[in-house]
Amino acid sequence: MADTELKKQFIQLRSKGFSFDKIAKEMKKSKQTLINWSKDFQEEIANLKAVELESLQDELYLSTEARLKAQGAIYKKLKAEAESRDFADIPTDKLLDLLFKHEKRISDEHIEPKFNSEAEIATAKASALEWANL
C-alpha cells in the first residue's frame, strides 16, 4: 500500500477514535510514526471527525419538520383521548399534563414564515454571489 494511502487510512481511523496502539497493529507501523502523522494531519483528522459527527447527528436527530409532524401526531391522539374522557376520572390530570406539554413543544417549534419581495430576493442573491466570488 502506498504511503499516501496509508496516511489516508490513518486519518480515517484516528477520526473514528481508534487508539494509536490499535492502528499500529492494524497498519503495521510504529506508534511513534503514527504520533508524528497525527501532528502532521491534525486538521484533516479534526475535519473528518467533525463531518462524521455531523452525519451522526443528522441520523439521530430528526429534522425540525419531522419533529413537528411527530409531535403533532401525538398531540392529536392525546387531544382526542382527552376529549373522550370524563374529567371526573383521576388519571385525566396526567393526560391533560401531557396534552399541555405537547402544545408547548409544538409552539416552541413554530417558525413564523417570512416572505420577501422580489427586490429583497434579488439583493440576497447578489450578496450570496459576492461572497461566493471572494
Protein backbone atom coordinates (compact mmCIF):
# COMPACT_ATOMS: atom_id res chain seq x y z
CA MET A 1 0.00 0.00 0.00
CA ALA A 2 1.44 3.41 -0.97
CA ASP A 3 2.49 5.78 1.80
CA THR A 4 -0.25 8.23 0.77
CA GLU A 5 -2.89 5.52 1.06
CA LEU A 6 -1.56 4.50 4.47
CA LYS A 7 -1.79 8.10 5.66
CA LYS A 8 -5.36 8.40 4.38
CA GLN A 9 -6.25 5.19 6.20
CA PHE A 10 -4.58 6.53 9.35
CA ILE A 11 -6.54 9.80 9.16
CA GLN A 12 -9.80 7.87 8.82
CA LEU A 13 -9.05 5.53 11.73
CA ARG A 14 -7.95 8.38 14.02
CA SER A 15 -11.03 10.42 13.14
CA LYS A 16 -13.13 7.45 14.25
CA GLY A 17 -11.36 7.43 17.62
CA PHE A 18 -9.11 4.40 17.19
CA SER A 19 -6.12 4.34 19.55
CA PHE A 20 -2.53 4.58 18.34
CA ASP A 21 -1.93 1.03 19.60
CA LYS A 22 -4.84 -0.42 17.63
CA ILE A 23 -3.89 1.48 14.47
CA ALA A 24 -0.22 0.45 14.85
CA LYS A 25 -1.21 -3.21 14.97
CA GLU A 26 -3.60 -2.93 12.03
CA MET A 27 -1.30 -0.88 9.80
CA LYS A 28 1.97 -2.45 10.97
CA LYS A 29 3.53 0.94 11.71
CA SER A 30 5.32 2.12 14.82
CA LYS A 31 3.37 4.06 17.37
CA GLN A 32 5.86 6.95 17.09
CA THR A 33 5.28 7.18 13.33
CA LEU A 34 1.56 7.40 13.96
CA ILE A 35 2.04 10.07 16.61
CA ASN A 36 4.10 12.09 14.12
CA TRP A 37 1.43 11.64 11.46
CA SER A 38 -1.18 12.74 13.97
CA LYS A 39 0.67 16.03 14.45
CA ASP A 40 1.09 16.46 10.67
CA PHE A 41 -2.56 15.72 9.91
CA GLN A 42 -4.36 17.07 12.97
CA GLU A 43 -6.52 19.44 10.87
CA GLU A 44 -7.55 16.70 8.46
CA ILE A 45 -8.38 14.39 11.37
CA ALA A 46 -10.40 17.11 13.11
CA ASN A 47 -12.29 17.96 9.90
CA LEU A 48 -13.14 14.35 9.17
CA LYS A 49 -14.22 13.84 12.78
CA ALA A 50 -16.48 16.91 12.51
CA VAL A 51 -18.03 15.61 9.28
CA GLU A 52 -18.67 12.20 10.82
CA LEU A 53 -20.19 13.76 13.95
CA GLU A 54 -22.44 15.97 11.86
CA SER A 55 -23.59 12.96 9.87
CA LEU A 56 -24.30 11.03 13.06
CA GLN A 57 -26.24 13.97 14.49
CA ASP A 58 -28.31 14.14 11.30
CA GLU A 59 -29.07 10.43 11.62
CA LEU A 60 -30.03 10.59 15.27
CA TYR A 61 -31.74 13.94 15.44
CA LEU A 62 -34.83 14.38 13.36
CA SER A 63 -35.29 17.46 11.25
CA THR A 64 -37.46 20.25 12.63
CA GLU A 65 -40.20 19.29 10.17
CA ALA A 66 -40.11 15.62 11.19
CA ARG A 67 -40.11 16.50 14.91
CA LEU A 68 -43.03 18.86 14.40
CA LYS A 69 -45.00 16.21 12.49
CA ALA A 70 -44.29 13.60 15.18
CA GLN A 71 -45.30 15.97 17.97
CA GLY A 72 -48.43 16.92 16.02
CA ALA A 73 -49.45 13.29 15.63
CA ILE A 74 -49.01 12.62 19.35
CA TYR A 75 -50.84 15.83 20.19
CA LYS A 76 -53.83 14.84 18.04
CA LYS A 77 -54.07 11.44 19.75
CA LEU A 78 -53.76 12.95 23.22
CA LYS A 79 -56.32 15.63 22.42
CA ALA A 80 -58.80 13.07 21.07
CA GLU A 81 -58.29 10.90 24.14
CA ALA A 82 -58.65 13.89 26.48
CA GLU A 83 -61.87 14.91 24.73
CA SER A 84 -63.29 11.41 25.12
CA ARG A 85 -62.51 11.25 28.84
CA ASP A 86 -64.80 12.03 31.71
CA PHE A 87 -62.97 14.79 33.58
CA ALA A 88 -64.08 13.37 36.90
CA ASP A 89 -61.69 10.49 36.24
CA ILE A 90 -58.48 10.87 38.32
CA PRO A 91 -55.88 9.97 35.61
CA THR A 92 -57.22 12.80 33.46
CA ASP A 93 -54.83 15.29 35.12
CA LYS A 94 -51.91 13.29 33.84
CA LEU A 95 -53.43 13.17 30.36
CA LEU A 96 -54.00 16.93 30.38
CA ASP A 97 -50.45 17.47 31.57
CA LEU A 98 -49.19 15.53 28.55
CA LEU A 99 -51.53 17.47 26.28
CA PHE A 100 -50.17 20.81 27.56
CA LYS A 101 -46.57 19.65 27.27
CA HIS A 102 -47.11 18.69 23.64
CA GLU A 103 -48.85 22.00 22.94
CA LYS A 104 -45.76 23.74 24.31
CA ARG A 105 -43.41 21.62 22.18
CA ILE A 106 -45.42 22.42 19.07
CA SER A 107 -45.43 26.09 19.99
CA ASP A 108 -41.66 26.04 20.55
CA GLU A 109 -41.11 24.53 17.09
CA HIS A 110 -43.24 27.19 15.36
CA ILE A 111 -41.32 29.38 12.96
CA GLU A 112 -43.06 32.44 11.62
CA PRO A 113 -42.78 32.42 7.81
CA LYS A 114 -41.07 35.43 6.29
CA PHE A 115 -41.98 36.47 2.79
CA ASN A 116 -39.53 38.58 0.79
CA SER A 117 -40.25 40.94 -2.06
CA GLU A 118 -38.64 40.35 -5.45
CA ALA A 119 -36.20 43.18 -4.70
CA GLU A 120 -35.18 41.56 -1.39
CA ILE A 121 -34.66 38.22 -3.13
CA ALA A 122 -32.53 39.85 -5.85
CA THR A 123 -30.43 41.65 -3.21
CA ALA A 124 -29.90 38.41 -1.26
CA LYS A 125 -28.83 36.54 -4.43
CA ALA A 126 -26.40 39.33 -5.37
CA SER A 127 -24.94 39.28 -1.86
CA ALA A 128 -24.53 35.47 -1.97
CA LEU A 129 -22.76 35.76 -5.32
CA GLU A 130 -20.36 38.33 -3.90
CA TRP A 131 -19.49 36.01 -1.02
CA ALA A 132 -19.01 33.08 -3.36
CA ASN A 133 -16.58 35.05 -5.51
CA LEU A 134 -14.38 36.14 -2.58
